Each structure stands twice: as structure tokens, then as C-alpha cells.
């Protein structure tokens, strides 16, 4: 190898194979708001104070200048800086959970297609993701919903863009 050649990390190498997303939605129902932002749509003034306060730099803005979480930039550490920076009554840090999110793993997952990859499980701070070996060299990605905080660390680490995090849809009880 030439002296000036840079050795590529596993993550950089696998990132070359990322699936290209062809759909983007700006709909309020599909965006993830900052943690504990339960009253955002009704009370947010769009001042933008929350984004520069976020040490992870994962807060972006929608068309109404309301904050949305962009997990492609990193994970949420639940530090509360966005909440502390907000002068409005938008956040409720007394809530039991910061948000209600659904995490799904698509069929494009490398591990589920027989390619050795443990990126999501390696970065999960709560150890909520388990990679279970299956017959034939494939693996199954199992998300423990009770342990998962929805921090998004797995999404930005996934080289196949196989993980999606969406707001939990309310289901009718009956």
C-alpha cells in the first residue's frame, strides 16, 4: 500500500452500499420532534433557539420552522438542552417517555442478507438490538422495544439505511 494511501474503515467501506432514499416527507405526522416536545405544534413560535443548543447537532427545521430530529446526523443523548433553551411551554420533561417511536428494520439489512454487519447493535447504548444468527449464514435483527429509548444511534450507524424510526401511530383498542 502506498505511504499516502488512507485505509478505509469498515463503516466507510459499507457506507458505499447505502440504499438511496427516493422519498422524503415533510408531513407533520411523519416527523420526529425533539424529546418531550408534546405541545410543539400548538405552542412553538419557530424562534429556532433549540437547534444551536443541541450538542449533537441533530435538530433541523420543517417548513413551518418547527424543530424536527434528523437521526442521520447522530443520536439523541436526552441531555435536555433543547428543552432548556426553549422559552415557550413546548416541552414536558415530566412525561414518562421522551417520545413514542417505532423502530423497524427493512429487508435490505446486511445482516439479514448474509453479510456480516453488527453496526446497529454495536452502537446501541441500551443494548436494545440483538443480532441473532440463523441457519444459512443469515442473521435476524431483534429490537427489544422495552429497552429501546429511540435515541437513533442505530439509524445513523446503519450502512444499508435499513433502519427507520417513525412516530408511533395510535392504534384503536377494541
C-alpha atoms as a PDB file:
ATOM      1  CA  UNK A   1       0.000   0.000   0.000  1.00  0.00           C
ATOM      2  CA  UNK A   2       1.398   3.457  -0.901  1.00  0.00           C
ATOM      3  CA  UNK A   3       2.539   5.576   2.061  1.00  0.00           C
ATOM      4  CA  UNK A   4      -0.006   8.317   1.316  1.00  0.00           C
ATOM      5  CA  UNK A   5      -2.989   5.937   0.914  1.00  0.00           C
ATOM      6  CA  UNK A   6      -5.666   6.177   3.570  1.00  0.00           C
ATOM      7  CA  UNK A   7      -7.035   2.932   4.968  1.00  0.00           C
ATOM      8  CA  UNK A   8     -10.825   2.850   4.799  1.00  0.00           C
ATOM      9  CA  UNK A   9     -12.751   1.968   7.943  1.00  0.00           C
ATOM     10  CA  UNK A  10     -15.389  -0.768   7.863  1.00  0.00           C
ATOM     11  CA  UNK A  11     -18.139   1.833   8.258  1.00  0.00           C
ATOM     12  CA  UNK A  12     -16.816   3.956   5.377  1.00  0.00           C
ATOM     13  CA  UNK A  13     -16.490   0.886   3.144  1.00  0.00           C
ATOM     14  CA  UNK A  14     -20.022  -0.348   3.898  1.00  0.00           C
ATOM     15  CA  UNK A  15     -21.477   3.154   3.541  1.00  0.00           C
ATOM     16  CA  UNK A  16     -20.730   2.949  -0.171  1.00  0.00           C
ATOM     17  CA  UNK A  17     -23.515   0.394  -0.445  1.00  0.00           C
ATOM     18  CA  UNK A  18     -26.189   2.508   1.248  1.00  0.00           C
ATOM     19  CA  UNK A  19     -29.590   2.324  -0.341  1.00  0.00           C
ATOM     20  CA  UNK A  20     -30.617   5.642  -1.873  1.00  0.00           C
ATOM     21  CA  UNK A  21     -33.801   7.020  -0.381  1.00  0.00           C
ATOM     22  CA  UNK A  22     -36.209   8.209  -3.038  1.00  0.00           C
ATOM     23  CA  UNK A  23     -38.959   9.550  -0.819  1.00  0.00           C
ATOM     24  CA  UNK A  24     -38.885  12.362   1.675  1.00  0.00           C
ATOM     25  CA  UNK A  25     -41.883  13.545   3.629  1.00  0.00           C
ATOM     26  CA  UNK A  26     -42.398  16.863   5.321  1.00  0.00           C
ATOM     27  CA  UNK A  27     -45.760  15.874   6.758  1.00  0.00           C
ATOM     28  CA  UNK A  28     -46.250  16.610  10.433  1.00  0.00           C
ATOM     29  CA  UNK A  29     -47.376  13.009  11.066  1.00  0.00           C
ATOM     30  CA  UNK A  30     -44.100  11.566   9.784  1.00  0.00           C
ATOM     31  CA  UNK A  31     -41.559  13.789  11.502  1.00  0.00           C
ATOM     32  CA  UNK A  32     -39.915  13.220  14.837  1.00  0.00           C
ATOM     33  CA  UNK A  33     -39.984  16.186  17.150  1.00  0.00           C
ATOM     34  CA  UNK A  34     -37.402  16.778  19.906  1.00  0.00           C
ATOM     35  CA  UNK A  35     -37.818  14.647  23.035  1.00  0.00           C
ATOM     36  CA  UNK A  36     -40.575  15.691  25.415  1.00  0.00           C
ATOM     37  CA  UNK A  37     -41.978  18.176  22.848  1.00  0.00           C
ATOM     38  CA  UNK A  38     -45.617  17.278  23.368  1.00  0.00           C
ATOM     39  CA  UNK A  39     -47.147  20.694  22.710  1.00  0.00           C
ATOM     40  CA  UNK A  40     -44.912  21.813  19.880  1.00  0.00           C
ATOM     41  CA  UNK A  41     -47.440  22.266  17.061  1.00  0.00           C
ATOM     42  CA  UNK A  42     -49.673  24.497  19.165  1.00  0.00           C
ATOM     43  CA  UNK A  43     -47.047  26.454  21.120  1.00  0.00           C
ATOM     44  CA  UNK A  44     -43.791  26.621  19.124  1.00  0.00           C
ATOM     45  CA  UNK A  45     -43.065  30.124  17.839  1.00  0.00           C
ATOM     46  CA  UNK A  46     -40.358  28.931  15.438  1.00  0.00           C
ATOM     47  CA  UNK A  47     -37.664  31.013  17.134  1.00  0.00           C
ATOM     48  CA  UNK A  48     -35.022  28.336  16.483  1.00  0.00           C
ATOM     49  CA  UNK A  49     -33.328  28.532  19.900  1.00  0.00           C
ATOM     50  CA  UNK A  50     -33.432  24.747  20.326  1.00  0.00           C
ATOM     51  CA  UNK A  51     -31.177  23.827  17.370  1.00  0.00           C
ATOM     52  CA  UNK A  52     -27.993  25.670  18.399  1.00  0.00           C
ATOM     53  CA  UNK A  53     -28.484  24.386  21.960  1.00  0.00           C
ATOM     54  CA  UNK A  54     -28.354  20.734  20.802  1.00  0.00           C
ATOM     55  CA  UNK A  55     -24.801  19.448  21.387  1.00  0.00           C
ATOM     56  CA  UNK A  56     -25.388  16.565  18.962  1.00  0.00           C
ATOM     57  CA  UNK A  57     -26.497  18.877  16.132  1.00  0.00           C
ATOM     58  CA  UNK A  58     -29.475  16.700  15.199  1.00  0.00           C
ATOM     59  CA  UNK A  59     -32.195  19.364  15.228  1.00  0.00           C
ATOM     60  CA  UNK A  60     -33.333  20.660  11.841  1.00  0.00           C
ATOM     61  CA  UNK A  61     -36.487  22.592  10.906  1.00  0.00           C
ATOM     62  CA  UNK A  62     -39.604  21.787   8.899  1.00  0.00           C
ATOM     63  CA  UNK A  63     -41.452  24.156   6.555  1.00  0.00           C
ATOM     64  CA  UNK A  64     -43.048  25.985   9.493  1.00  0.00           C
ATOM     65  CA  UNK A  65     -39.672  26.446  11.212  1.00  0.00           C
ATOM     66  CA  UNK A  66     -40.625  23.900  13.865  1.00  0.00           C
ATOM     67  CA  UNK A  67     -37.842  21.598  15.085  1.00  0.00           C
ATOM     68  CA  UNK A  68     -37.515  18.044  13.787  1.00  0.00           C
ATOM     69  CA  UNK A  69     -34.960  15.412  14.697  1.00  0.00           C
ATOM     70  CA  UNK A  70     -32.549  14.280  11.974  1.00  0.00           C
ATOM     71  CA  UNK A  71     -31.098  10.967  13.153  1.00  0.00           C
ATOM     72  CA  UNK A  72     -28.879  10.745  10.065  1.00  0.00           C
ATOM     73  CA  UNK A  73     -26.633  13.289  11.827  1.00  0.00           C
ATOM     74  CA  UNK A  74     -26.348  11.299  15.055  1.00  0.00           C
ATOM     75  CA  UNK A  75     -28.170  10.201  18.158  1.00  0.00           C
ATOM     76  CA  UNK A  76     -30.149  11.973  20.851  1.00  0.00           C
ATOM     77  CA  UNK A  77     -28.484  11.807  24.258  1.00  0.00           C
ATOM     78  CA  UNK A  78     -31.576  13.147  26.039  1.00  0.00           C
ATOM     79  CA  UNK A  79     -29.491  15.912  27.590  1.00  0.00           C
ATOM     80  CA  UNK A  80     -32.464  18.295  27.661  1.00  0.00           C
ATOM     81  CA  UNK A  81     -30.543  21.226  26.172  1.00  0.00           C
ATOM     82  CA  UNK A  82     -33.274  21.867  23.585  1.00  0.00           C
ATOM     83  CA  UNK A  83     -35.877  21.957  26.342  1.00  0.00           C
ATOM     84  CA  UNK A  84     -33.813  24.343  28.486  1.00  0.00           C
ATOM     85  CA  UNK A  85     -33.223  26.691  25.528  1.00  0.00           C
ATOM     86  CA  UNK A  86     -36.946  26.987  24.749  1.00  0.00           C
ATOM     87  CA  UNK A  87     -38.728  29.974  26.287  1.00  0.00           C
ATOM     88  CA  UNK A  88     -42.179  28.625  25.344  1.00  0.00           C
ATOM     89  CA  UNK A  89     -44.255  25.972  27.118  1.00  0.00           C
ATOM     90  CA  UNK A  90     -43.448  23.351  24.472  1.00  0.00           C
ATOM     91  CA  UNK A  91     -41.615  20.666  26.429  1.00  0.00           C
ATOM     92  CA  UNK A  92     -42.882  18.433  29.219  1.00  0.00           C
ATOM     93  CA  UNK A  93     -39.858  16.772  30.829  1.00  0.00           C
ATOM     94  CA  UNK A  94     -42.093  15.243  33.493  1.00  0.00           C
ATOM     95  CA  UNK A  95     -43.545  12.796  30.950  1.00  0.00           C
ATOM     96  CA  UNK A  96     -42.678   9.123  31.413  1.00  0.00           C
ATOM     97  CA  UNK A  97     -41.094   8.789  27.977  1.00  0.00           C
ATOM     98  CA  UNK A  98     -39.399  11.362  25.754  1.00  0.00           C
ATOM     99  CA  UNK A  99     -41.365  10.168  22.708  1.00  0.00           C
ATOM    100  CA  UNK A 100     -43.226   7.192  21.290  1.00  0.00           C
ATOM    101  CA  UNK A 101     -41.380   5.853  18.268  1.00  0.00           C
ATOM    102  CA  UNK A 102     -41.485   2.729  16.126  1.00  0.00           C
ATOM    103  CA  UNK A 103     -38.172   1.237  15.013  1.00  0.00           C
ATOM    104  CA  UNK A 104     -38.232  -1.117  12.021  1.00  0.00           C
ATOM    105  CA  UNK A 105     -35.530  -2.995  10.159  1.00  0.00           C
ATOM    106  CA  UNK A 106     -36.025  -3.363   6.397  1.00  0.00           C
ATOM    107  CA  UNK A 107     -35.216  -6.373   4.239  1.00  0.00           C
ATOM    108  CA  UNK A 108     -32.144  -4.503   2.929  1.00  0.00           C
ATOM    109  CA  UNK A 109     -30.359  -5.110   6.257  1.00  0.00           C
ATOM    110  CA  UNK A 110     -26.914  -6.537   5.544  1.00  0.00           C
ATOM    111  CA  UNK A 111     -27.035  -8.980   8.476  1.00  0.00           C
ATOM    112  CA  UNK A 112     -30.387 -10.341   7.351  1.00  0.00           C
ATOM    113  CA  UNK A 113     -28.941 -10.866   3.865  1.00  0.00           C
ATOM    114  CA  UNK A 114     -25.937 -12.901   4.957  1.00  0.00           C
ATOM    115  CA  UNK A 115     -23.422 -10.049   5.049  1.00  0.00           C
ATOM    116  CA  UNK A 116     -21.582  -9.707   8.337  1.00  0.00           C
ATOM    117  CA  UNK A 117     -22.692  -6.445   9.910  1.00  0.00           C
ATOM    118  CA  UNK A 118     -23.299  -5.581  13.535  1.00  0.00           C
ATOM    119  CA  UNK A 119     -23.192  -1.785  13.281  1.00  0.00           C
ATOM    120  CA  UNK A 120     -26.598  -1.126  14.842  1.00  0.00           C
ATOM    121  CA  UNK A 121     -26.048  -3.491  17.759  1.00  0.00           C
ATOM    122  CA  UNK A 122     -22.537  -2.188  18.380  1.00  0.00           C
ATOM    123  CA  UNK A 123     -23.614   1.442  18.760  1.00  0.00           C
ATOM    124  CA  UNK A 124     -26.837   0.933  20.729  1.00  0.00           C
ATOM    125  CA  UNK A 125     -26.190   2.493  24.160  1.00  0.00           C
ATOM    126  CA  UNK A 126     -29.023   0.493  25.728  1.00  0.00           C
ATOM    127  CA  UNK A 127     -28.069  -2.867  24.143  1.00  0.00           C
ATOM    128  CA  UNK A 128     -31.623  -2.983  22.801  1.00  0.00           C
ATOM    129  CA  UNK A 129     -30.567  -4.518  19.474  1.00  0.00           C
ATOM    130  CA  UNK A 130     -29.582  -8.147  19.249  1.00  0.00           C
ATOM    131  CA  UNK A 131     -28.265  -9.871  16.134  1.00  0.00           C
ATOM    132  CA  UNK A 132     -29.449 -13.481  16.294  1.00  0.00           C
ATOM    133  CA  UNK A 133     -27.663 -15.947  13.967  1.00  0.00           C
ATOM    134  CA  UNK A 134     -29.941 -18.017  11.744  1.00  0.00           C
ATOM    135  CA  UNK A 135     -29.341 -21.056   9.549  1.00  0.00           C
ATOM    136  CA  UNK A 136     -27.667 -20.372   6.227  1.00  0.00           C
ATOM    137  CA  UNK A 137     -25.317 -17.612   7.422  1.00  0.00           C
ATOM    138  CA  UNK A 138     -28.037 -15.032   7.803  1.00  0.00           C
ATOM    139  CA  UNK A 139     -28.951 -13.226  10.987  1.00  0.00           C
ATOM    140  CA  UNK A 140     -32.094 -11.726  12.407  1.00  0.00           C
ATOM    141  CA  UNK A 141     -32.065  -8.247  13.916  1.00  0.00           C
ATOM    142  CA  UNK A 142     -34.223  -8.127  17.028  1.00  0.00           C
ATOM    143  CA  UNK A 143     -35.132  -4.814  18.675  1.00  0.00           C
ATOM    144  CA  UNK A 144     -36.119  -5.038  22.336  1.00  0.00           C
ATOM    145  CA  UNK A 145     -38.843  -2.392  22.421  1.00  0.00           C
ATOM    146  CA  UNK A 146     -38.822  -2.269  26.217  1.00  0.00           C
ATOM    147  CA  UNK A 147     -35.109  -1.387  26.320  1.00  0.00           C
ATOM    148  CA  UNK A 148     -35.081   0.891  23.241  1.00  0.00           C
ATOM    149  CA  UNK A 149     -35.163   4.607  24.039  1.00  0.00           C
ATOM    150  CA  UNK A 150     -35.453   5.715  20.407  1.00  0.00           C
ATOM    151  CA  UNK A 151     -32.153   7.608  20.583  1.00  0.00           C
ATOM    152  CA  UNK A 152     -31.421   6.991  16.884  1.00  0.00           C
ATOM    153  CA  UNK A 153     -27.835   5.788  17.272  1.00  0.00           C
ATOM    154  CA  UNK A 154     -28.662   2.721  15.193  1.00  0.00           C
ATOM    155  CA  UNK A 155     -30.070   4.717  12.270  1.00  0.00           C
ATOM    156  CA  UNK A 156     -27.001   6.828  11.617  1.00  0.00           C
ATOM    157  CA  UNK A 157     -24.715   3.787  12.033  1.00  0.00           C
ATOM    158  CA  UNK A 158     -26.552   1.538   9.570  1.00  0.00           C
ATOM    159  CA  UNK A 159     -24.584   1.317   6.304  1.00  0.00           C
ATOM    160  CA  UNK A 160     -27.583  -0.147   4.457  1.00  0.00           C
ATOM    161  CA  UNK A 161     -30.124   2.506   5.518  1.00  0.00           C
ATOM    162  CA  UNK A 162     -32.237  -0.428   6.672  1.00  0.00           C
ATOM    163  CA  UNK A 163     -33.418   1.135   9.930  1.00  0.00           C
ATOM    164  CA  UNK A 164     -36.319   3.517  10.058  1.00  0.00           C
ATOM    165  CA  UNK A 165     -37.635   5.390  13.044  1.00  0.00           C
ATOM    166  CA  UNK A 166     -41.112   6.873  12.825  1.00  0.00           C
ATOM    167  CA  UNK A 167     -43.599   8.359  15.254  1.00  0.00           C
ATOM    168  CA  UNK A 168     -45.737   5.636  16.755  1.00  0.00           C
ATOM    169  CA  UNK A 169     -49.194   5.508  15.225  1.00  0.00           C
ATOM    170  CA  UNK A 170     -52.074   5.314  17.643  1.00  0.00           C
ATOM    171  CA  UNK A 171     -53.999   2.097  17.285  1.00  0.00           C
ATOM    172  CA  UNK A 172     -57.680   1.701  18.036  1.00  0.00           C
ATOM    173  CA  UNK A 173     -58.398  -0.520  21.018  1.00  0.00           C
ATOM    174  CA  UNK A 174     -61.204  -2.960  20.769  1.00  0.00           C
END
